[in-house]
């Protein structure tokens, strides 16, 4: 068991696809070192069905996933976040609540698969792409030496992870 569990919040506007994917992936591959959560500034109120299908297809549990407002994590008694990652451009530009403890933040923008219109195969491909990008970025994140890196260097690394594409690397081949 790890000495410390890090709390991570994935933020998006609707909290129905990308941020939910991030929460589920990190909870699955975090090996007890991370507790991941997700939320949105204006949540849809339901997880997109293709989000759940995409996760189930790769064997990532979906129990307990729900669309929720970020206000849940800015109230007394809420888990104190160590890291907050915005995964959509809208949420990155919005005024966020004041997070207790000054967590590290970074923007990991990903195209919204829920916004894709057209044939079902294109929609599924968009969800698969979002999953691949997040798996790659989360794989890089969980391999950071969090206990031995200073805050400024860590911030630089977190921002760099946001620029990673969906190409699988040895260190990011998770789940």
N, C-alpha and C. Protein backbone atom coordinates (compact mmCIF):
# COMPACT_ATOMS: atom_id res chain seq x y z
N UNK A 1 0.85 -1.18 0.00
CA UNK A 1 0.00 0.00 0.00
C UNK A 1 0.89 1.24 0.00
N UNK A 2 0.53 2.26 -0.77
CA UNK A 2 1.37 3.46 -0.84
C UNK A 2 1.35 4.24 0.46
N UNK A 3 2.40 5.08 0.65
CA UNK A 3 2.46 5.93 1.83
C UNK A 3 1.38 7.00 1.77
N UNK A 4 1.07 7.45 0.57
CA UNK A 4 0.15 8.55 0.39
C UNK A 4 -0.71 8.31 -0.83
N UNK A 5 -1.99 8.63 -0.71
CA UNK A 5 -2.91 8.54 -1.84
C UNK A 5 -3.15 9.96 -2.33
N UNK A 6 -2.96 10.18 -3.63
CA UNK A 6 -3.16 11.49 -4.23
C UNK A 6 -4.57 11.58 -4.79
N UNK A 7 -5.26 12.69 -4.50
CA UNK A 7 -6.59 12.95 -5.04
C UNK A 7 -6.46 13.76 -6.31
N UNK A 8 -7.15 13.30 -7.36
CA UNK A 8 -7.07 13.93 -8.68
C UNK A 8 -8.48 14.19 -9.18
N UNK A 9 -8.72 15.42 -9.65
CA UNK A 9 -10.02 15.80 -10.19
C UNK A 9 -9.87 16.13 -11.67
N UNK A 10 -10.67 15.47 -12.50
CA UNK A 10 -10.73 15.77 -13.93
C UNK A 10 -11.95 16.65 -14.16
N UNK A 11 -11.74 17.82 -14.77
CA UNK A 11 -12.82 18.78 -15.00
C UNK A 11 -13.12 18.94 -16.47
N UNK A 12 -14.40 19.06 -16.76
CA UNK A 12 -14.89 19.37 -18.08
C UNK A 12 -16.20 20.12 -17.91
N UNK A 13 -16.73 20.64 -18.95
CA UNK A 13 -17.97 21.39 -18.84
C UNK A 13 -19.14 20.47 -18.50
N UNK A 14 -19.40 19.47 -19.34
CA UNK A 14 -20.59 18.63 -19.19
C UNK A 14 -20.43 17.42 -18.30
N UNK A 15 -19.20 17.00 -18.01
CA UNK A 15 -18.93 15.82 -17.17
C UNK A 15 -19.76 14.62 -17.62
N UNK A 16 -19.68 14.33 -18.92
CA UNK A 16 -20.39 13.15 -19.42
C UNK A 16 -19.48 12.22 -20.23
N UNK A 17 -18.29 12.70 -20.62
CA UNK A 17 -17.42 11.87 -21.45
C UNK A 17 -15.96 11.95 -21.00
N UNK A 18 -15.23 12.99 -21.42
CA UNK A 18 -13.78 13.05 -21.19
C UNK A 18 -13.39 12.98 -19.72
N UNK A 19 -14.01 13.80 -18.90
CA UNK A 19 -13.63 13.80 -17.48
C UNK A 19 -14.00 12.49 -16.81
N UNK A 20 -15.10 11.89 -17.23
CA UNK A 20 -15.51 10.58 -16.71
C UNK A 20 -14.48 9.52 -17.12
N UNK A 21 -14.03 9.57 -18.39
CA UNK A 21 -13.01 8.64 -18.85
C UNK A 21 -11.75 8.77 -18.00
N UNK A 22 -11.33 10.01 -17.74
CA UNK A 22 -10.14 10.23 -16.92
C UNK A 22 -10.28 9.65 -15.52
N UNK A 23 -11.41 9.90 -14.90
CA UNK A 23 -11.68 9.37 -13.56
C UNK A 23 -11.59 7.84 -13.55
N UNK A 24 -12.27 7.22 -14.48
CA UNK A 24 -12.32 5.75 -14.51
C UNK A 24 -10.95 5.14 -14.81
N UNK A 25 -10.24 5.71 -15.78
CA UNK A 25 -8.92 5.17 -16.14
C UNK A 25 -7.96 5.27 -14.96
N UNK A 26 -7.87 6.46 -14.35
CA UNK A 26 -6.91 6.63 -13.25
C UNK A 26 -7.27 5.75 -12.06
N UNK A 27 -8.53 5.62 -11.74
CA UNK A 27 -8.90 4.73 -10.64
C UNK A 27 -8.55 3.28 -10.96
N UNK A 28 -8.61 2.92 -12.22
CA UNK A 28 -8.31 1.55 -12.64
C UNK A 28 -6.81 1.26 -12.62
N UNK A 29 -6.00 2.19 -13.11
CA UNK A 29 -4.56 1.92 -13.25
C UNK A 29 -3.73 2.52 -12.12
N UNK A 30 -4.33 3.28 -11.24
CA UNK A 30 -3.58 4.00 -10.21
C UNK A 30 -3.03 3.15 -9.10
N UNK A 31 -3.33 1.88 -9.08
CA UNK A 31 -2.77 0.92 -8.13
C UNK A 31 -2.87 1.40 -6.68
N UNK A 32 -3.98 2.01 -6.34
CA UNK A 32 -4.19 2.46 -4.97
C UNK A 32 -3.44 3.72 -4.59
N UNK A 33 -2.64 4.26 -5.51
CA UNK A 33 -1.88 5.48 -5.24
C UNK A 33 -2.70 6.74 -5.52
N UNK A 34 -3.83 6.59 -6.21
CA UNK A 34 -4.64 7.73 -6.62
C UNK A 34 -6.12 7.45 -6.37
N UNK A 35 -6.83 8.51 -5.97
CA UNK A 35 -8.29 8.50 -5.94
C UNK A 35 -8.71 9.56 -6.94
N UNK A 36 -9.33 9.11 -8.02
CA UNK A 36 -9.71 10.03 -9.08
C UNK A 36 -11.20 10.35 -9.00
N UNK A 37 -11.51 11.58 -9.38
CA UNK A 37 -12.87 12.09 -9.40
C UNK A 37 -13.06 12.88 -10.69
N UNK A 38 -14.30 13.18 -11.03
CA UNK A 38 -14.57 14.04 -12.16
C UNK A 38 -15.76 14.92 -11.84
N UNK A 39 -15.82 16.05 -12.55
CA UNK A 39 -16.93 16.98 -12.35
C UNK A 39 -16.99 17.94 -13.53
N UNK A 40 -18.10 18.69 -13.59
CA UNK A 40 -18.27 19.66 -14.65
C UNK A 40 -18.82 20.97 -14.14
N UNK A 41 -18.58 22.03 -14.90
CA UNK A 41 -19.09 23.35 -14.53
C UNK A 41 -20.61 23.40 -14.75
N UNK A 42 -21.08 22.77 -15.81
CA UNK A 42 -22.52 22.66 -16.08
C UNK A 42 -22.79 21.21 -16.50
N UNK A 43 -22.82 20.31 -15.53
CA UNK A 43 -22.92 18.88 -15.85
C UNK A 43 -24.21 18.52 -16.59
N UNK A 44 -24.08 17.55 -17.48
CA UNK A 44 -25.21 17.07 -18.27
C UNK A 44 -26.23 16.33 -17.41
N UNK A 45 -25.79 15.79 -16.28
CA UNK A 45 -26.69 15.05 -15.41
C UNK A 45 -26.69 13.56 -15.66
N UNK A 46 -26.03 13.14 -16.75
CA UNK A 46 -25.94 11.71 -17.07
C UNK A 46 -24.64 11.46 -17.82
N UNK A 47 -24.08 10.29 -17.61
CA UNK A 47 -22.88 9.89 -18.34
C UNK A 47 -23.31 9.45 -19.73
N UNK A 48 -22.59 9.89 -20.74
CA UNK A 48 -22.90 9.51 -22.12
C UNK A 48 -22.79 8.00 -22.25
N UNK A 49 -23.78 7.35 -22.87
CA UNK A 49 -23.76 5.88 -23.00
C UNK A 49 -22.50 5.35 -23.68
N UNK A 50 -21.96 6.07 -24.66
CA UNK A 50 -20.74 5.59 -25.33
C UNK A 50 -19.52 5.69 -24.43
N UNK A 51 -19.56 6.56 -23.44
CA UNK A 51 -18.47 6.61 -22.46
C UNK A 51 -18.42 5.28 -21.72
N UNK A 52 -19.57 4.86 -21.25
CA UNK A 52 -19.65 3.59 -20.51
C UNK A 52 -19.30 2.40 -21.39
N UNK A 53 -19.77 2.40 -22.63
CA UNK A 53 -19.46 1.31 -23.56
C UNK A 53 -17.95 1.25 -23.85
N UNK A 54 -17.35 2.41 -24.05
CA UNK A 54 -15.92 2.47 -24.36
C UNK A 54 -15.09 1.92 -23.21
N UNK A 55 -15.44 2.30 -21.99
CA UNK A 55 -14.72 1.81 -20.82
C UNK A 55 -14.91 0.30 -20.64
N UNK A 56 -16.15 -0.15 -20.78
CA UNK A 56 -16.44 -1.58 -20.61
C UNK A 56 -15.69 -2.41 -21.64
N UNK A 57 -15.57 -1.89 -22.86
CA UNK A 57 -14.90 -2.60 -23.95
C UNK A 57 -13.44 -2.92 -23.62
N UNK A 58 -12.80 -2.06 -22.83
CA UNK A 58 -11.39 -2.27 -22.47
C UNK A 58 -11.23 -2.79 -21.05
N UNK A 59 -12.33 -3.18 -20.43
CA UNK A 59 -12.27 -3.82 -19.11
C UNK A 59 -12.10 -2.87 -17.94
N UNK A 60 -12.48 -1.62 -18.11
CA UNK A 60 -12.38 -0.65 -17.00
C UNK A 60 -13.76 -0.54 -16.35
N UNK A 61 -13.82 -0.75 -15.03
CA UNK A 61 -15.10 -0.70 -14.32
C UNK A 61 -15.81 0.66 -14.46
N UNK A 62 -17.13 0.61 -14.51
CA UNK A 62 -17.94 1.83 -14.65
C UNK A 62 -18.88 2.05 -13.47
N UNK A 63 -18.84 1.16 -12.49
CA UNK A 63 -19.72 1.29 -11.33
C UNK A 63 -19.50 2.63 -10.63
N UNK A 64 -20.58 3.29 -10.29
CA UNK A 64 -20.51 4.53 -9.52
C UNK A 64 -20.21 5.78 -10.32
N UNK A 65 -19.96 5.67 -11.61
CA UNK A 65 -19.68 6.86 -12.40
C UNK A 65 -20.97 7.65 -12.59
N UNK A 66 -20.88 8.98 -12.37
CA UNK A 66 -22.05 9.83 -12.54
C UNK A 66 -21.61 11.23 -12.90
N UNK A 67 -22.48 11.95 -13.57
CA UNK A 67 -22.23 13.33 -13.95
C UNK A 67 -22.57 14.22 -12.75
N UNK A 68 -21.62 15.09 -12.37
CA UNK A 68 -21.81 15.92 -11.18
C UNK A 68 -21.15 17.28 -11.34
N UNK A 69 -21.59 18.23 -10.54
CA UNK A 69 -21.06 19.59 -10.57
C UNK A 69 -19.76 19.69 -9.78
N UNK A 70 -18.88 20.57 -10.22
CA UNK A 70 -17.61 20.74 -9.53
C UNK A 70 -17.79 21.34 -8.15
N UNK A 71 -18.95 21.94 -7.89
CA UNK A 71 -19.22 22.49 -6.56
C UNK A 71 -19.11 21.43 -5.47
N UNK A 72 -19.38 20.17 -5.80
CA UNK A 72 -19.27 19.08 -4.82
C UNK A 72 -17.88 18.99 -4.21
N UNK A 73 -16.88 19.45 -4.94
CA UNK A 73 -15.50 19.30 -4.50
C UNK A 73 -14.91 20.59 -3.92
N UNK A 74 -15.76 21.62 -3.80
CA UNK A 74 -15.30 22.90 -3.27
C UNK A 74 -15.98 23.25 -1.95
N UNK A 75 -16.58 22.26 -1.31
CA UNK A 75 -17.28 22.48 -0.04
C UNK A 75 -16.51 21.83 1.10
N UNK A 76 -16.73 22.32 2.32
CA UNK A 76 -16.08 21.69 3.47
C UNK A 76 -16.42 20.20 3.53
N UNK A 77 -15.42 19.40 3.84
CA UNK A 77 -15.63 17.95 3.93
C UNK A 77 -15.37 17.20 2.64
N UNK A 78 -15.25 17.92 1.52
CA UNK A 78 -14.94 17.27 0.24
C UNK A 78 -13.48 16.84 0.25
N UNK A 79 -13.14 15.82 -0.55
CA UNK A 79 -11.73 15.42 -0.61
C UNK A 79 -10.86 16.60 -1.05
N UNK A 80 -9.71 16.75 -0.42
CA UNK A 80 -8.76 17.80 -0.78
C UNK A 80 -7.98 17.31 -2.00
N UNK A 81 -8.03 18.09 -3.08
CA UNK A 81 -7.39 17.68 -4.32
C UNK A 81 -5.90 18.02 -4.31
N UNK A 82 -5.12 17.10 -4.84
CA UNK A 82 -3.70 17.32 -5.05
C UNK A 82 -3.42 17.79 -6.48
N UNK A 83 -4.25 17.31 -7.42
CA UNK A 83 -4.10 17.64 -8.83
C UNK A 83 -5.47 17.86 -9.44
N UNK A 84 -5.55 18.86 -10.33
CA UNK A 84 -6.78 19.10 -11.09
C UNK A 84 -6.39 19.27 -12.55
N UNK A 85 -7.01 18.46 -13.40
CA UNK A 85 -6.74 18.51 -14.83
C UNK A 85 -8.01 18.88 -15.58
N UNK A 86 -7.96 19.97 -16.35
CA UNK A 86 -9.08 20.30 -17.23
C UNK A 86 -8.84 19.53 -18.53
N UNK A 87 -9.90 18.92 -19.04
CA UNK A 87 -9.76 18.12 -20.26
C UNK A 87 -10.54 18.70 -21.44
N UNK A 88 -11.16 19.85 -21.22
CA UNK A 88 -11.81 20.53 -22.35
C UNK A 88 -11.45 22.00 -22.31
N UNK A 89 -11.44 22.62 -23.47
CA UNK A 89 -11.03 24.01 -23.57
C UNK A 89 -12.00 24.94 -22.85
N UNK A 90 -13.29 24.62 -22.85
CA UNK A 90 -14.26 25.46 -22.15
C UNK A 90 -13.96 25.53 -20.67
N UNK A 91 -13.77 24.37 -20.04
CA UNK A 91 -13.52 24.34 -18.59
C UNK A 91 -12.20 25.03 -18.26
N UNK A 92 -11.23 24.94 -19.14
CA UNK A 92 -9.93 25.58 -18.88
C UNK A 92 -10.06 27.09 -18.82
N UNK A 93 -11.01 27.65 -19.57
CA UNK A 93 -11.18 29.09 -19.61
C UNK A 93 -12.18 29.63 -18.61
N UNK A 94 -12.88 28.76 -17.91
CA UNK A 94 -13.90 29.20 -16.96
C UNK A 94 -13.28 29.54 -15.61
N UNK A 95 -13.98 30.34 -14.86
CA UNK A 95 -13.55 30.66 -13.52
C UNK A 95 -13.91 29.50 -12.62
N UNK A 96 -12.90 28.85 -12.09
CA UNK A 96 -13.11 27.67 -11.24
C UNK A 96 -13.30 28.10 -9.79
N UNK A 97 -13.89 27.22 -9.00
CA UNK A 97 -13.96 27.50 -7.57
C UNK A 97 -12.55 27.60 -6.99
N UNK A 98 -12.45 28.16 -5.81
CA UNK A 98 -11.18 28.19 -5.09
C UNK A 98 -11.01 26.82 -4.45
N UNK A 99 -9.96 26.12 -4.84
CA UNK A 99 -9.75 24.77 -4.35
C UNK A 99 -8.88 24.81 -3.10
N UNK A 100 -9.34 24.21 -2.01
CA UNK A 100 -8.53 24.17 -0.79
C UNK A 100 -7.19 23.48 -1.04
N UNK A 101 -6.14 24.00 -0.43
CA UNK A 101 -4.83 23.35 -0.50
C UNK A 101 -4.01 23.68 -1.72
N UNK A 102 -4.48 24.54 -2.60
CA UNK A 102 -3.75 24.93 -3.80
C UNK A 102 -3.21 23.73 -4.59
N UNK A 103 -4.09 22.93 -5.16
CA UNK A 103 -3.62 21.77 -5.93
C UNK A 103 -2.87 22.19 -7.19
N UNK A 104 -2.04 21.28 -7.68
CA UNK A 104 -1.37 21.48 -8.96
C UNK A 104 -2.43 21.37 -10.05
N UNK A 105 -2.36 22.24 -11.06
CA UNK A 105 -3.35 22.20 -12.13
C UNK A 105 -2.64 22.16 -13.48
N UNK A 106 -3.31 21.56 -14.45
CA UNK A 106 -2.80 21.55 -15.82
C UNK A 106 -3.98 21.36 -16.77
N UNK A 107 -3.79 21.82 -17.98
CA UNK A 107 -4.81 21.65 -19.02
C UNK A 107 -4.39 20.52 -19.95
N UNK A 108 -5.25 19.50 -20.03
CA UNK A 108 -5.02 18.36 -20.92
C UNK A 108 -6.14 18.29 -21.94
N UNK A 109 -6.30 19.30 -22.75
CA UNK A 109 -7.42 19.40 -23.70
C UNK A 109 -7.53 18.22 -24.65
N UNK A 110 -8.76 17.77 -24.81
CA UNK A 110 -9.08 16.66 -25.71
C UNK A 110 -10.40 17.00 -26.41
N UNK A 111 -10.49 16.70 -27.69
CA UNK A 111 -11.73 16.94 -28.43
C UNK A 111 -12.89 16.19 -27.78
N UNK A 112 -14.05 16.80 -27.79
CA UNK A 112 -15.22 16.22 -27.15
C UNK A 112 -15.84 15.12 -28.02
N UNK A 113 -15.72 13.87 -27.62
CA UNK A 113 -16.31 12.81 -28.43
C UNK A 113 -17.84 12.86 -28.43
N UNK A 114 -18.43 13.42 -27.39
CA UNK A 114 -19.89 13.51 -27.30
C UNK A 114 -20.45 14.53 -28.29
N UNK A 115 -19.59 15.40 -28.82
CA UNK A 115 -20.04 16.42 -29.77
C UNK A 115 -19.99 15.93 -31.22
N UNK A 116 -19.43 14.75 -31.45
CA UNK A 116 -19.31 14.24 -32.81
C UNK A 116 -20.68 13.81 -33.33
N UNK A 117 -20.99 14.29 -34.50
CA UNK A 117 -22.26 13.93 -35.16
C UNK A 117 -21.93 13.11 -36.40
N UNK A 118 -22.92 12.38 -36.85
CA UNK A 118 -22.71 11.57 -38.04
C UNK A 118 -22.90 10.11 -37.73
N UNK A 119 -22.34 9.25 -38.58
CA UNK A 119 -22.52 7.80 -38.40
C UNK A 119 -21.97 7.33 -37.05
N UNK A 120 -22.57 6.27 -36.56
CA UNK A 120 -22.18 5.73 -35.26
C UNK A 120 -20.69 5.35 -35.22
N UNK A 121 -20.15 4.84 -36.32
CA UNK A 121 -18.74 4.44 -36.31
C UNK A 121 -17.83 5.65 -36.07
N UNK A 122 -18.22 6.83 -36.54
CA UNK A 122 -17.41 8.03 -36.29
C UNK A 122 -17.50 8.44 -34.82
N UNK A 123 -18.67 8.31 -34.24
CA UNK A 123 -18.84 8.62 -32.83
C UNK A 123 -18.00 7.67 -31.98
N UNK A 124 -18.08 6.38 -32.27
CA UNK A 124 -17.29 5.39 -31.51
C UNK A 124 -15.79 5.65 -31.67
N UNK A 125 -15.37 6.01 -32.87
CA UNK A 125 -13.95 6.32 -33.11
C UNK A 125 -13.51 7.52 -32.27
N UNK A 126 -14.38 8.51 -32.13
CA UNK A 126 -14.05 9.69 -31.32
C UNK A 126 -13.90 9.31 -29.84
N UNK A 127 -14.74 8.43 -29.34
CA UNK A 127 -14.62 7.97 -27.96
C UNK A 127 -13.35 7.14 -27.78
N UNK A 128 -13.03 6.31 -28.77
CA UNK A 128 -11.80 5.52 -28.70
C UNK A 128 -10.57 6.44 -28.70
N UNK A 129 -10.62 7.51 -29.51
CA UNK A 129 -9.51 8.46 -29.54
C UNK A 129 -9.34 9.15 -28.19
N UNK A 130 -10.44 9.60 -27.60
CA UNK A 130 -10.38 10.27 -26.30
C UNK A 130 -9.82 9.31 -25.24
N UNK A 131 -10.24 8.06 -25.28
CA UNK A 131 -9.73 7.06 -24.35
C UNK A 131 -8.22 6.89 -24.53
N UNK A 132 -7.78 6.79 -25.78
CA UNK A 132 -6.36 6.58 -26.07
C UNK A 132 -5.53 7.78 -25.58
N UNK A 133 -5.98 8.99 -25.85
CA UNK A 133 -5.25 10.18 -25.38
C UNK A 133 -5.15 10.17 -23.86
N UNK A 134 -6.26 9.92 -23.19
CA UNK A 134 -6.25 9.94 -21.73
C UNK A 134 -5.40 8.82 -21.15
N UNK A 135 -5.46 7.64 -21.74
CA UNK A 135 -4.61 6.54 -21.25
C UNK A 135 -3.14 6.90 -21.37
N UNK A 136 -2.76 7.52 -22.48
CA UNK A 136 -1.38 7.92 -22.70
C UNK A 136 -0.96 8.97 -21.67
N UNK A 137 -1.78 9.97 -21.47
CA UNK A 137 -1.44 11.04 -20.53
C UNK A 137 -1.43 10.54 -19.08
N UNK A 138 -2.39 9.74 -18.74
CA UNK A 138 -2.44 9.20 -17.37
C UNK A 138 -1.25 8.25 -17.14
N UNK A 139 -0.88 7.50 -18.16
CA UNK A 139 0.30 6.63 -18.04
C UNK A 139 1.55 7.44 -17.76
N UNK A 140 1.70 8.57 -18.43
CA UNK A 140 2.85 9.44 -18.18
C UNK A 140 2.76 10.04 -16.77
N UNK A 141 1.57 10.45 -16.37
CA UNK A 141 1.37 11.06 -15.05
C UNK A 141 1.72 10.10 -13.92
N UNK A 142 1.24 8.87 -13.99
CA UNK A 142 1.47 7.94 -12.87
C UNK A 142 2.93 7.49 -12.79
N UNK A 143 3.69 7.77 -13.83
CA UNK A 143 5.11 7.42 -13.80
C UNK A 143 6.01 8.58 -13.37
N UNK A 144 5.40 9.72 -13.02
CA UNK A 144 6.19 10.84 -12.51
C UNK A 144 6.68 10.54 -11.09
N UNK A 145 7.88 10.96 -10.75
CA UNK A 145 8.39 10.76 -9.39
C UNK A 145 7.84 11.85 -8.45
N UNK A 146 6.58 11.74 -8.08
CA UNK A 146 5.89 12.80 -7.34
C UNK A 146 6.56 13.19 -6.03
N UNK A 147 7.18 12.24 -5.35
CA UNK A 147 7.79 12.54 -4.05
C UNK A 147 9.18 13.16 -4.16
N UNK A 148 9.77 13.14 -5.35
CA UNK A 148 11.15 13.63 -5.45
C UNK A 148 11.32 14.75 -6.47
N UNK A 149 10.24 15.39 -6.86
CA UNK A 149 10.33 16.46 -7.87
C UNK A 149 9.78 17.74 -7.25
N UNK A 150 10.45 18.87 -7.54
CA UNK A 150 9.97 20.12 -6.95
C UNK A 150 8.73 20.61 -7.70
N UNK A 151 8.00 21.50 -7.07
CA UNK A 151 6.70 21.95 -7.58
C UNK A 151 6.81 22.60 -8.96
N UNK A 152 7.84 23.39 -9.20
CA UNK A 152 7.98 24.05 -10.48
C UNK A 152 8.26 23.04 -11.60
N UNK A 153 9.13 22.09 -11.34
CA UNK A 153 9.44 21.06 -12.34
C UNK A 153 8.21 20.18 -12.58
N UNK A 154 7.49 19.88 -11.51
CA UNK A 154 6.28 19.06 -11.64
C UNK A 154 5.25 19.79 -12.49
N UNK A 155 5.07 21.08 -12.27
CA UNK A 155 4.12 21.85 -13.06
C UNK A 155 4.47 21.81 -14.55
N UNK A 156 5.75 21.93 -14.84
CA UNK A 156 6.21 21.88 -16.22
C UNK A 156 5.92 20.50 -16.83
N UNK A 157 6.16 19.45 -16.08
CA UNK A 157 5.90 18.09 -16.56
C UNK A 157 4.40 17.88 -16.81
N UNK A 158 3.56 18.36 -15.90
CA UNK A 158 2.11 18.20 -16.05
C UNK A 158 1.60 18.91 -17.29
N UNK A 159 2.11 20.12 -17.54
CA UNK A 159 1.72 20.84 -18.76
C UNK A 159 2.21 20.10 -20.00
N UNK A 160 3.41 19.54 -19.94
CA UNK A 160 3.94 18.78 -21.06
C UNK A 160 3.11 17.54 -21.37
N UNK A 161 2.60 16.91 -20.33
CA UNK A 161 1.74 15.73 -20.52
C UNK A 161 0.50 16.12 -21.30
N UNK A 162 0.00 17.33 -21.08
CA UNK A 162 -1.18 17.79 -21.80
C UNK A 162 -0.97 17.91 -23.30
N UNK A 163 0.27 17.92 -23.73
CA UNK A 163 0.57 18.01 -25.16
C UNK A 163 0.76 16.64 -25.80
N UNK A 164 0.77 15.58 -25.00
CA UNK A 164 0.96 14.24 -25.56
C UNK A 164 -0.23 13.85 -26.42
N UNK A 165 0.06 13.14 -27.50
CA UNK A 165 -1.02 12.66 -28.35
C UNK A 165 -1.46 11.27 -27.90
N UNK A 166 -2.19 10.60 -28.71
CA UNK A 166 -2.72 9.29 -28.35
C UNK A 166 -1.81 8.12 -28.68
N UNK A 167 -0.58 8.41 -29.10
CA UNK A 167 0.35 7.36 -29.44
C UNK A 167 0.77 6.63 -28.18
N UNK A 168 0.65 5.32 -28.19
CA UNK A 168 1.01 4.53 -27.03
C UNK A 168 2.52 4.41 -26.92
N UNK A 169 3.01 4.67 -25.72
CA UNK A 169 4.43 4.49 -25.44
C UNK A 169 4.56 3.40 -24.40
N UNK A 170 5.75 2.90 -24.22
CA UNK A 170 5.97 1.82 -23.25
C UNK A 170 5.47 2.20 -21.87
N UNK A 171 5.79 3.41 -21.41
CA UNK A 171 5.41 3.82 -20.06
C UNK A 171 3.94 4.15 -19.93
N UNK A 172 3.24 4.33 -21.05
CA UNK A 172 1.84 4.72 -20.95
C UNK A 172 0.88 3.63 -21.40
N UNK A 173 1.37 2.45 -21.65
CA UNK A 173 0.49 1.37 -22.08
C UNK A 173 -0.21 0.80 -20.85
N UNK A 174 -1.24 1.50 -20.41
CA UNK A 174 -1.96 1.15 -19.19
C UNK A 174 -3.33 0.61 -19.51
N UNK A 175 -3.84 -0.15 -18.56
CA UNK A 175 -5.18 -0.76 -18.63
C UNK A 175 -5.26 -1.70 -19.79
